[in-house]
Amino acid sequence: MKTVFDAHVDPALVERSLAASAFAPMWLDIRRPEHAALTGAVSCDLLVIGGGYTGLWAALHAAERNPGRKIVLIEANRIGWAASGRNGGFVDASLTHGAENGKSRWADEFDTLQAMGMENLDGMAADIERLELDVEWQRTGMLSVATEPHQVDWLAESAAAGEGRFLDQEQVRAEVASPTYRAGLFEPDTCAIVHPAKLAVELARACREAGVQIHEHTRAVSVQASGSGLRVGAETAVVNANQVVLATNVYPSLVRRNRWYTVPVYDYVLSTEPLTADQLDRIGWRNRQGVGDCANQFHYYRLTADNRVVWGGYDAVYYFGRRVDAVYEDRQQTYRKLAEHFFITFPQLDDIRFSHRWAGAIDTNTRFCAHWGTAHRGRVAYVNGFTGLGVGATRFAADVCLDLLDGAATPRTELEMVRKRPLPFPPEPVASVGIQATRWSLDRADHSAGKRNVLLKTLDTLGLGFDS
């Protein structure tokens, strides 16, 4: 059974659209202040390792909780250069990577998780306004679209459960004019869009203004107990800290037992040139919602402030060995596939050109949303496993890390989702075989009216299944 995205697209159109694209994250084409590397020895109350969203929110909120503390943040590369500067900029309220994933794993506390997710999203909007962060924040909502007949029923069921407003074919195409759309589900309050790299840069500015000391090009290589505190070895420095937040996302954790819990999965993205007024009029999209389709291998897309279409997803790829390596990023067959799917979705934009193409590694675990832990007798807190939906959830995750370091029970730390960790991934080659078989099965489900095969049903039974 074919899907809408199996349609033929002129290869010459695809090649022409990609010919002048720059291999670089479009979001990072902005001014980013430099922060000197840390050298020598320094002492602090709290050391944050990692200059992405999680680390920045942790440092900022720690400084606001305890203004007198000395807080240092170190980053191995540049602030926001990895996932925080490469994602689609969707700020979703969900802490569980969607309602279905949350309901299936934490049914008893799902309503609490939903409420906390909305509280976190509202709190993020309030922080951005209070701190005057220039991040192109727009609370435009999320439009989920059905491109296959069986997906229409899924959206209708979600609407019946109070998870959004159902749009029939005419209504959804009035919002965004794609011939592939059969129905839609609009959630007006649960998602915002943002300029992801500006969010990282502006959070770093807010951290500095709150007294946080930031150092780039400072790679931490070890964490050891030292008396009543911790000694963190870096390539160019040594930091003696009372407490540490590990916010290294997809990269190998400095707490070795945590390394089995995540694998890197590569996500690929295209950005168009700014659409002209005529091109934008051809597709409508006047309300600027974030958009995603309902397939297991799904696309996500949104408009930027200057009316580029950022188009990503679908072909998430795991490479044998769990390595994070830039060599995996320039995958031409995936960029061509993304371009083909773009023109299937918007055939009226056959004169568009892509300006940028890029990729980044997503930290994925077996429950598809964040997990936490502590080490060194509670003096180290860590979190990872966001699985591509972390722009909003990192703020919540950072607050959980600070709660864990405080050692006092809070409504956040009492959550089963926080107290329990996912199952680890097996070693290679078993991990690779299992992941590739699952990926193949999800593709087959998309080509079989959503019907899940024996492998997927078994994973569902074991609590390892994923329905995007």
Protein backbone atom coordinates (compact mmCIF):
# COMPACT_ATOMS: atom_id res chain seq x y z
CA MET A 1 0.00 0.00 0.00
CA LYS A 2 1.43 3.34 -1.03
CA THR A 3 1.24 6.58 0.95
CA VAL A 4 0.89 10.09 -0.37
CA PHE A 5 4.65 10.56 0.03
CA ASP A 6 5.41 7.74 -2.40
CA ALA A 7 4.29 9.94 -5.28
CA HIS A 8 6.79 10.69 -8.06
CA VAL A 9 8.61 14.02 -8.03
CA ASP A 10 10.72 15.29 -10.91
CA PRO A 11 14.37 14.64 -9.89
CA ALA A 12 15.45 17.76 -11.79
CA LEU A 13 13.17 19.88 -9.59
CA VAL A 14 14.66 18.35 -6.44
CA GLU A 15 18.25 18.82 -7.57
CA ARG A 16 17.61 22.39 -8.67
CA SER A 17 15.95 23.26 -5.35
CA LEU A 18 18.93 21.98 -3.34
CA ALA A 19 21.78 23.10 -5.60
CA ALA A 20 22.60 26.36 -3.83
CA SER A 21 21.77 25.26 -0.27
CA ALA A 22 24.40 25.90 2.38
CA PHE A 23 25.36 22.95 4.58
CA ALA A 24 24.92 24.76 7.90
CA PRO A 25 22.16 25.32 10.49
CA MET A 26 20.24 28.37 9.31
CA TRP A 27 19.42 29.37 12.88
CA LEU A 28 23.09 29.88 13.74
CA ASP A 29 23.47 32.67 11.15
CA ILE A 30 23.18 35.23 13.94
CA ARG A 31 25.58 37.20 16.11
CA ARG A 32 26.70 35.08 19.06
CA PRO A 33 28.90 36.63 21.78
CA GLU A 34 32.12 34.77 22.54
CA HIS A 35 32.84 33.45 26.02
CA ALA A 36 36.47 32.79 26.89
CA ALA A 37 37.61 29.27 27.75
CA LEU A 38 38.21 28.51 31.41
CA THR A 39 41.83 27.97 32.37
CA GLY A 40 43.48 27.15 35.65
CA ALA A 41 41.53 26.29 38.79
CA VAL A 42 38.27 27.76 40.04
CA SER A 43 35.84 27.01 42.86
CA CYS A 44 32.07 27.50 42.83
CA ASP A 45 28.87 26.52 44.56
CA LEU A 46 27.24 25.08 41.42
CA LEU A 47 28.85 23.96 38.17
CA VAL A 48 26.61 23.44 35.15
CA ILE A 49 28.13 21.30 32.38
CA GLY A 50 26.52 21.98 29.02
CA GLY A 51 25.53 25.20 27.27
CA GLY A 52 22.26 24.11 25.69
CA TYR A 53 18.76 24.83 26.93
CA THR A 54 18.87 22.50 29.94
CA GLY A 55 22.13 23.90 31.26
CA LEU A 56 21.13 27.51 30.62
CA TRP A 57 17.75 27.16 32.32
CA ALA A 58 19.39 25.36 35.25
CA ALA A 59 22.01 28.10 35.69
CA LEU A 60 19.47 30.90 35.33
CA HIS A 61 16.91 29.46 37.73
CA ALA A 62 19.62 28.48 40.22
CA ALA A 63 20.84 32.07 40.24
CA GLU A 64 17.30 33.33 40.76
CA ARG A 65 16.62 30.85 43.57
CA ASN A 66 19.83 31.74 45.40
CA PRO A 67 21.24 35.08 44.19
CA GLY A 68 24.34 34.82 46.38
CA ARG A 69 25.63 31.54 44.97
CA LYS A 70 28.64 31.39 42.68
CA ILE A 71 27.52 29.57 39.54
CA VAL A 72 29.78 28.57 36.66
CA LEU A 73 28.61 27.12 33.31
CA ILE A 74 31.04 25.43 30.93
CA GLU A 75 30.40 24.37 27.34
CA ALA A 76 32.67 22.18 25.22
CA ASN A 77 31.91 24.08 22.01
CA ARG A 78 29.69 27.18 21.66
CA ILE A 79 26.49 28.14 23.45
CA GLY A 80 23.54 26.54 21.64
CA TRP A 81 25.63 25.02 18.84
CA ALA A 82 24.23 21.47 19.09
CA ALA A 83 20.56 20.45 19.45
CA SER A 84 19.59 23.82 20.90
CA GLY A 85 20.64 25.56 17.69
CA ARG A 86 19.47 22.93 15.20
CA ASN A 87 15.89 22.02 16.15
CA GLY A 88 12.65 23.22 14.59
CA GLY A 89 11.83 25.71 17.33
CA PHE A 90 8.58 24.03 18.44
CA VAL A 91 7.92 24.74 22.13
CA ASP A 92 5.40 22.10 23.09
CA ALA A 93 3.64 21.91 26.44
CA SER A 94 3.93 18.12 26.56
CA LEU A 95 6.50 16.72 28.97
CA THR A 96 5.86 13.16 27.75
CA HIS A 97 6.38 13.49 23.98
CA GLY A 98 2.67 13.61 23.32
CA ALA A 99 -0.50 12.49 25.01
CA GLU A 100 -0.48 8.87 23.85
CA ASN A 101 3.02 8.24 25.16
CA GLY A 102 2.14 9.85 28.49
CA LYS A 103 -1.15 8.02 28.92
CA SER A 104 0.35 4.63 28.15
CA ARG A 105 3.19 5.01 30.66
CA TRP A 106 1.84 7.17 33.51
CA ALA A 107 -1.94 6.89 33.32
CA ASP A 108 -2.45 7.67 37.02
CA GLU A 109 -0.48 10.91 36.91
CA PHE A 110 -1.16 11.92 33.31
CA ASP A 111 -3.52 14.76 34.23
CA THR A 112 -0.89 16.11 36.61
CA LEU A 113 1.78 15.87 33.92
CA GLN A 114 -0.46 17.71 31.48
CA ALA A 115 -1.13 20.48 33.99
CA MET A 116 2.57 20.78 34.82
CA GLY A 117 3.38 20.93 31.12
CA MET A 118 1.00 23.83 30.57
CA GLU A 119 2.31 25.55 33.70
CA ASN A 120 5.85 25.13 32.36
CA LEU A 121 4.93 26.56 28.95
CA ASP A 122 3.18 29.53 30.57
CA GLY A 123 6.17 29.99 32.87
CA MET A 124 8.53 29.99 29.90
CA ALA A 125 6.46 32.68 28.20
CA ALA A 126 6.50 34.71 31.43
CA ASP A 127 10.29 34.34 31.77
CA ILE A 128 10.80 35.48 28.19
CA GLU A 129 8.63 38.55 28.75
CA ARG A 130 10.08 39.38 32.18
CA LEU A 131 13.68 39.06 31.01
CA GLU A 132 12.94 40.75 27.66
CA LEU A 133 14.46 37.89 25.68
CA ASP A 134 14.45 38.57 21.93
CA VAL A 135 13.62 35.07 20.68
CA GLU A 136 10.81 35.58 18.12
CA TRP A 137 8.30 33.90 20.44
CA GLN A 138 4.87 33.28 18.88
CA ARG A 139 2.16 31.28 20.67
CA THR A 140 0.51 30.19 17.42
CA GLY A 141 -0.63 26.71 18.41
CA MET A 142 -0.10 23.32 16.77
CA LEU A 143 -1.85 21.95 13.70
CA SER A 144 -1.69 18.16 13.29
CA VAL A 145 -2.67 17.03 9.80
CA ALA A 146 -3.91 13.73 8.41
CA THR A 147 -2.46 12.79 5.03
CA GLU A 148 -3.89 9.23 4.94
CA PRO A 149 -7.49 8.04 5.43
CA HIS A 150 -6.84 6.11 8.66
CA GLN A 151 -5.27 9.17 10.26
CA VAL A 152 -8.54 11.09 9.98
CA ASP A 153 -10.08 8.74 12.57
CA TRP A 154 -7.10 9.24 14.87
CA LEU A 155 -7.59 13.00 14.82
CA ALA A 156 -11.34 12.69 15.34
CA GLU A 157 -10.72 10.48 18.40
CA SER A 158 -8.25 13.01 19.81
CA ALA A 159 -10.76 15.80 19.32
CA ALA A 160 -13.46 13.73 21.05
CA ALA A 161 -11.07 13.31 24.00
CA GLY A 162 -10.77 17.08 24.30
CA GLU A 163 -7.26 17.29 22.85
CA GLY A 164 -8.05 19.92 20.21
CA ARG A 165 -10.52 21.08 17.57
CA PHE A 166 -11.20 18.80 14.63
CA LEU A 167 -10.96 20.35 11.16
CA ASP A 168 -12.42 18.62 8.12
CA GLN A 169 -10.65 18.65 4.76
CA GLU A 170 -12.04 22.00 3.65
CA GLN A 171 -11.33 23.63 7.01
CA VAL A 172 -7.75 22.39 7.32
CA ARG A 173 -6.88 23.38 3.75
CA ALA A 174 -8.28 26.84 4.50
CA GLU A 175 -5.62 27.11 7.21
CA VAL A 176 -2.73 25.76 5.10
CA ALA A 177 -3.34 24.94 1.44
CA SER A 178 -1.89 21.49 0.82
CA PRO A 179 -3.58 18.93 -1.44
CA THR A 180 -2.24 16.19 0.85
CA TYR A 181 -4.40 17.22 3.83
CA ARG A 182 -7.52 15.16 4.61
CA ALA A 183 -8.25 16.56 8.08
CA GLY A 184 -6.61 18.42 10.93
CA LEU A 185 -6.53 18.86 14.68
CA PHE A 186 -5.77 22.32 16.03
CA GLU A 187 -4.53 22.92 19.58
CA PRO A 188 -4.36 26.71 20.07
CA ASP A 189 -2.60 26.91 23.45
CA THR A 190 -0.25 23.93 23.72
CA CYS A 191 2.55 25.05 21.40
CA ALA A 192 4.60 28.11 20.56
CA ILE A 193 7.29 28.64 17.95
CA VAL A 194 10.60 30.33 18.65
CA HIS A 195 13.97 31.07 17.05
CA PRO A 196 15.92 28.25 18.73
CA ALA A 197 19.43 29.70 18.53
CA LYS A 198 18.26 33.11 19.70
CA LEU A 199 16.65 31.39 22.68
CA ALA A 200 20.01 29.89 23.67
CA VAL A 201 21.92 33.14 23.12
CA GLU A 202 19.38 35.21 25.02
CA LEU A 203 19.25 32.73 27.91
CA ALA A 204 23.04 33.02 28.12
CA ARG A 205 22.68 36.81 28.29
CA ALA A 206 20.13 36.49 31.09
CA CYS A 207 22.48 34.10 32.91
CA ARG A 208 25.35 36.58 32.71
CA GLU A 209 23.11 39.38 33.96
CA ALA A 210 22.13 37.15 36.89
CA GLY A 211 25.80 36.66 37.78
CA VAL A 212 26.52 33.32 36.12
CA GLN A 213 30.07 32.88 34.83
CA ILE A 214 30.04 31.30 31.33
CA HIS A 215 32.97 29.65 29.54
CA GLU A 216 32.91 28.12 26.05
CA HIS A 217 35.49 25.76 24.54
CA THR A 218 35.85 24.09 27.96
CA ARG A 219 35.27 20.36 27.74
CA ALA A 220 34.65 18.49 30.99
CA VAL A 221 36.22 15.04 31.02
CA SER A 222 35.68 13.74 34.55
CA VAL A 223 33.71 14.20 37.76
CA GLN A 224 35.16 12.86 41.01
CA ALA A 225 34.38 13.18 44.69
CA SER A 226 36.80 15.47 46.50
CA GLY A 227 36.31 15.84 50.21
CA SER A 228 32.82 17.17 50.81
CA GLY A 229 32.53 18.39 47.22
CA LEU A 230 33.34 17.49 43.64
CA ARG A 231 36.37 17.92 41.43
CA VAL A 232 35.60 18.32 37.74
CA GLY A 233 38.47 17.90 35.35
CA ALA A 234 38.36 19.79 32.07
CA GLU A 235 40.86 19.83 29.22
CA THR A 236 42.09 23.29 30.21
CA ALA A 237 40.95 23.70 33.81
CA VAL A 238 39.89 22.16 37.10
CA VAL A 239 36.67 23.15 38.85
CA ASN A 240 35.98 22.43 42.50
CA ALA A 241 32.22 22.57 43.02
CA ASN A 242 29.78 21.78 45.77
CA GLN A 243 27.17 20.58 43.26
CA VAL A 244 26.98 19.79 39.55
CA VAL A 245 24.22 19.72 36.94
CA LEU A 246 25.09 17.48 33.99
CA ALA A 247 23.28 18.81 30.92
CA THR A 248 25.23 17.14 28.12
CA ASN A 249 22.18 15.86 26.22
CA VAL A 250 23.15 13.29 23.56
CA TYR A 251 26.87 13.23 24.37
CA PRO A 252 28.39 10.48 26.56
CA SER A 253 27.50 11.15 30.18
CA LEU A 254 30.22 11.77 32.75
CA VAL A 255 28.18 9.40 34.94
CA ARG A 256 29.11 6.21 33.12
CA ARG A 257 26.07 4.15 34.18
CA ASN A 258 23.85 6.68 32.43
CA ARG A 259 25.44 6.03 29.03
CA TRP A 260 23.35 2.92 28.40
CA TYR A 261 20.09 4.85 28.57
CA THR A 262 20.30 6.95 25.42
CA VAL A 263 21.27 6.55 21.79
CA PRO A 264 21.85 9.30 19.19
CA VAL A 265 19.36 9.47 16.35
CA TYR A 266 20.04 11.95 13.56
CA ASP A 267 17.33 14.35 12.41
CA TYR A 268 17.61 16.20 9.09
CA VAL A 269 16.22 19.63 8.20
CA LEU A 270 15.81 21.96 5.22
CA SER A 271 15.05 25.67 5.15
CA THR A 272 13.71 27.54 2.16
CA GLU A 273 14.62 31.01 1.04
CA PRO A 274 12.17 33.64 2.39
CA LEU A 275 8.86 33.22 0.61
CA THR A 276 7.66 36.15 -1.46
CA ALA A 277 4.22 37.60 -0.77
CA ASP A 278 2.94 35.74 -3.84
CA GLN A 279 4.43 32.41 -2.74
CA LEU A 280 3.04 32.79 0.77
CA ASP A 281 -0.38 33.61 -0.65
CA ARG A 282 -0.36 30.38 -2.66
CA ILE A 283 -0.24 28.28 0.52
CA GLY A 284 -2.19 30.52 2.89
CA TRP A 285 -0.72 29.76 6.33
CA ARG A 286 -1.79 33.17 7.58
CA ASN A 287 -2.04 32.04 11.20
CA ARG A 288 1.54 30.72 11.26
CA GLN A 289 0.81 27.55 13.25
CA GLY A 290 3.39 24.88 13.74
CA VAL A 291 2.44 21.87 11.60
CA GLY A 292 3.13 18.15 11.86
CA ASP A 293 1.62 15.14 10.15
CA CYS A 294 0.35 12.01 11.88
CA ALA A 295 2.59 9.30 10.46
CA ASN A 296 5.07 7.30 12.52
CA GLN A 297 7.73 8.78 10.24
CA PHE A 298 6.41 12.28 10.45
CA HIS A 299 7.30 15.70 9.06
CA TYR A 300 7.32 18.91 11.10
CA TYR A 301 7.36 22.39 9.63
CA ARG A 302 6.85 26.04 10.51
CA LEU A 303 7.37 29.57 9.23
CA THR A 304 10.20 31.77 10.46
CA ALA A 305 9.90 35.48 11.18
CA ASP A 306 11.16 36.24 7.65
CA ASN A 307 8.78 33.66 6.11
CA ARG A 308 11.13 30.79 5.39
CA VAL A 309 9.65 27.32 5.69
CA VAL A 310 11.71 25.13 8.03
CA TRP A 311 10.97 21.55 6.99
CA GLY A 312 12.31 18.55 8.90
CA GLY A 313 11.71 15.09 10.26
CA TYR A 314 10.66 11.81 8.60
CA ASP A 315 14.03 10.15 8.03
CA ALA A 316 15.45 9.84 11.57
CA VAL A 317 18.59 7.69 11.34
CA TYR A 318 20.54 5.66 13.89
CA TYR A 319 24.13 4.72 13.04
CA PHE A 320 25.84 1.60 14.36
CA GLY A 321 28.02 2.22 17.42
CA ARG A 322 26.12 5.05 19.15
CA ARG A 323 28.68 7.63 18.07
CA VAL A 324 27.89 11.32 17.69
CA ASP A 325 29.88 12.30 14.62
CA ALA A 326 29.60 15.24 12.21
CA VAL A 327 30.30 12.84 9.33
CA TYR A 328 26.68 11.65 9.62
CA GLU A 329 25.18 15.08 9.01
CA ASP A 330 25.55 15.62 5.26
CA ARG A 331 23.32 12.76 4.11
CA GLN A 332 22.35 13.66 0.56
CA GLN A 333 19.72 10.94 0.08
CA THR A 334 17.80 12.23 3.08
CA TYR A 335 17.91 15.86 1.94
CA ARG A 336 16.63 14.78 -1.47
CA LYS A 337 13.84 12.79 0.17
CA LEU A 338 12.86 15.77 2.31
CA ALA A 339 12.78 18.00 -0.76
CA GLU A 340 10.60 15.48 -2.61
CA HIS A 341 8.14 15.40 0.28
CA PHE A 342 8.11 19.20 0.45
CA PHE A 343 7.03 19.44 -3.19
CA ILE A 344 4.41 16.72 -2.70
CA THR A 345 3.00 18.75 0.18
CA PHE A 346 3.26 22.11 -1.58
CA PRO A 347 3.31 21.54 -5.36
CA GLN A 348 2.34 25.18 -5.83
CA LEU A 349 5.82 26.16 -4.57
CA ASP A 350 7.76 24.47 -7.37
CA ASP A 351 9.74 27.71 -7.84
CA ILE A 352 11.14 27.66 -4.30
CA ARG A 353 14.78 27.07 -3.47
CA PHE A 354 16.30 25.73 -0.26
CA SER A 355 18.86 28.01 1.36
CA HIS A 356 20.16 25.68 4.10
CA ARG A 357 20.37 22.01 4.98
CA TRP A 358 21.59 20.61 8.28
CA ALA A 359 21.27 17.80 10.80
CA GLY A 360 21.71 17.14 14.48
CA ALA A 361 21.72 14.26 16.95
CA ILE A 362 18.68 13.66 19.15
CA ASP A 363 19.09 11.94 22.54
CA THR A 364 16.58 9.10 22.49
CA ASN A 365 15.73 6.67 25.28
CA THR A 366 13.34 3.73 25.47
CA ARG A 367 10.46 5.76 26.89
CA PHE A 368 10.90 8.69 24.46
CA CYS A 369 10.98 11.52 26.99
CA ALA A 370 13.35 12.81 29.64
CA HIS A 371 14.73 10.78 32.53
CA TRP A 372 16.65 11.98 35.59
CA GLY A 373 19.16 10.66 38.06
CA THR A 374 21.65 11.66 40.75
CA ALA A 375 25.19 10.56 41.57
CA HIS A 376 27.94 11.21 44.11
CA ARG A 377 25.53 11.11 47.06
CA GLY A 378 23.10 13.55 45.52
CA ARG A 379 25.67 16.19 44.64
CA VAL A 380 25.31 15.55 40.89
CA ALA A 381 21.98 15.71 39.06
CA TYR A 382 21.54 14.84 35.40
CA VAL A 383 18.82 14.62 32.76
CA ASN A 384 18.62 13.54 29.12
CA GLY A 385 16.48 11.56 26.70
CA PHE A 386 14.25 14.35 25.35
CA THR A 387 13.79 12.56 21.99
CA GLY A 388 13.39 15.69 19.91
CA LEU A 389 10.71 17.43 21.97
CA GLY A 390 12.88 19.25 24.45
CA VAL A 391 12.64 22.96 23.68
CA GLY A 392 9.96 23.42 26.30
CA ALA A 393 10.61 20.34 28.43
CA THR A 394 14.22 21.35 29.16
CA ARG A 395 13.00 24.20 31.36
CA PHE A 396 10.96 21.78 33.46
CA ALA A 397 13.85 19.29 33.47
CA ALA A 398 16.28 21.93 34.73
CA ASP A 399 13.95 22.76 37.62
CA VAL A 400 13.74 19.05 38.49
CA CYS A 401 17.55 18.87 38.57
CA LEU A 402 17.70 21.82 40.97
CA ASP A 403 15.00 20.22 43.15
CA LEU A 404 17.01 17.00 43.27
CA LEU A 405 20.14 18.88 44.33
CA ASP A 406 18.15 20.66 47.05
CA GLY A 407 17.23 17.24 48.40
CA ALA A 408 13.68 18.24 49.35
CA ALA A 409 10.58 16.54 47.97
CA THR A 410 8.57 18.67 45.56
CA PRO A 411 5.56 17.91 43.37
CA ARG A 412 8.04 17.52 40.51
CA THR A 413 10.38 15.08 42.23
CA GLU A 414 7.46 12.99 43.51
CA LEU A 415 6.38 12.15 39.97
CA GLU A 416 6.78 8.52 38.94
CA MET A 417 8.18 9.84 35.67
CA VAL A 418 10.99 11.51 37.61
CA ARG A 419 11.59 8.74 40.17
CA LYS A 420 11.84 5.86 37.69
CA ARG A 421 14.23 5.47 34.80
CA PRO A 422 13.60 3.77 31.44
CA LEU A 423 15.03 0.45 30.39
CA PRO A 424 18.57 0.76 29.00
CA PHE A 425 19.46 -0.04 25.41
CA PRO A 426 21.36 -3.29 24.86
CA PRO A 427 24.95 -3.26 23.56
CA GLU A 428 25.85 -3.53 19.88
CA PRO A 429 25.08 -5.27 17.62
CA VAL A 430 21.76 -6.00 19.35
CA ALA A 431 20.90 -2.31 19.70
CA SER A 432 21.40 -1.61 16.02
CA VAL A 433 19.45 -4.66 14.90
CA GLY A 434 16.55 -3.81 17.20
CA ILE A 435 16.44 -0.12 16.28
CA GLN A 436 16.61 -0.78 12.54
CA ALA A 437 13.92 -3.47 12.79
CA THR A 438 11.70 -1.08 14.72
CA ARG A 439 12.27 1.69 12.20
CA TRP A 440 11.41 -0.67 9.33
CA SER A 441 8.27 -1.79 11.17
CA LEU A 442 7.12 1.79 11.75
CA ASP A 443 7.53 2.48 8.04
CA ARG A 444 5.52 -0.67 7.26
CA ALA A 445 2.78 0.51 9.63
CA ASP A 446 2.59 3.81 7.74
CA HIS A 447 2.13 1.79 4.55
CA SER A 448 -0.47 -0.52 6.13
CA ALA A 449 -3.13 1.92 7.32
CA GLY A 450 -1.42 2.20 10.70
CA LYS A 451 -1.55 -1.53 11.50
CA ARG A 452 1.31 -2.52 13.77
CA ASN A 453 3.18 -5.78 13.20
CA VAL A 454 4.19 -8.40 15.76
CA LEU A 455 7.40 -6.58 16.69
CA LEU A 456 5.63 -3.30 17.36
CA LYS A 457 2.86 -5.01 19.32
CA THR A 458 5.46 -6.81 21.42
CA LEU A 459 7.27 -3.55 22.11
CA ASP A 460 3.93 -1.95 23.07
CA THR A 461 3.32 -4.78 25.54
CA LEU A 462 6.79 -4.32 27.06
CA GLY A 463 6.31 -0.57 27.37
CA LEU A 464 8.89 0.11 24.65
CA GLY A 465 6.53 1.01 21.84
CA PHE A 466 6.30 4.44 20.31
CA ASP A 467 3.38 6.02 18.49
CA SER A 468 4.35 9.48 17.30
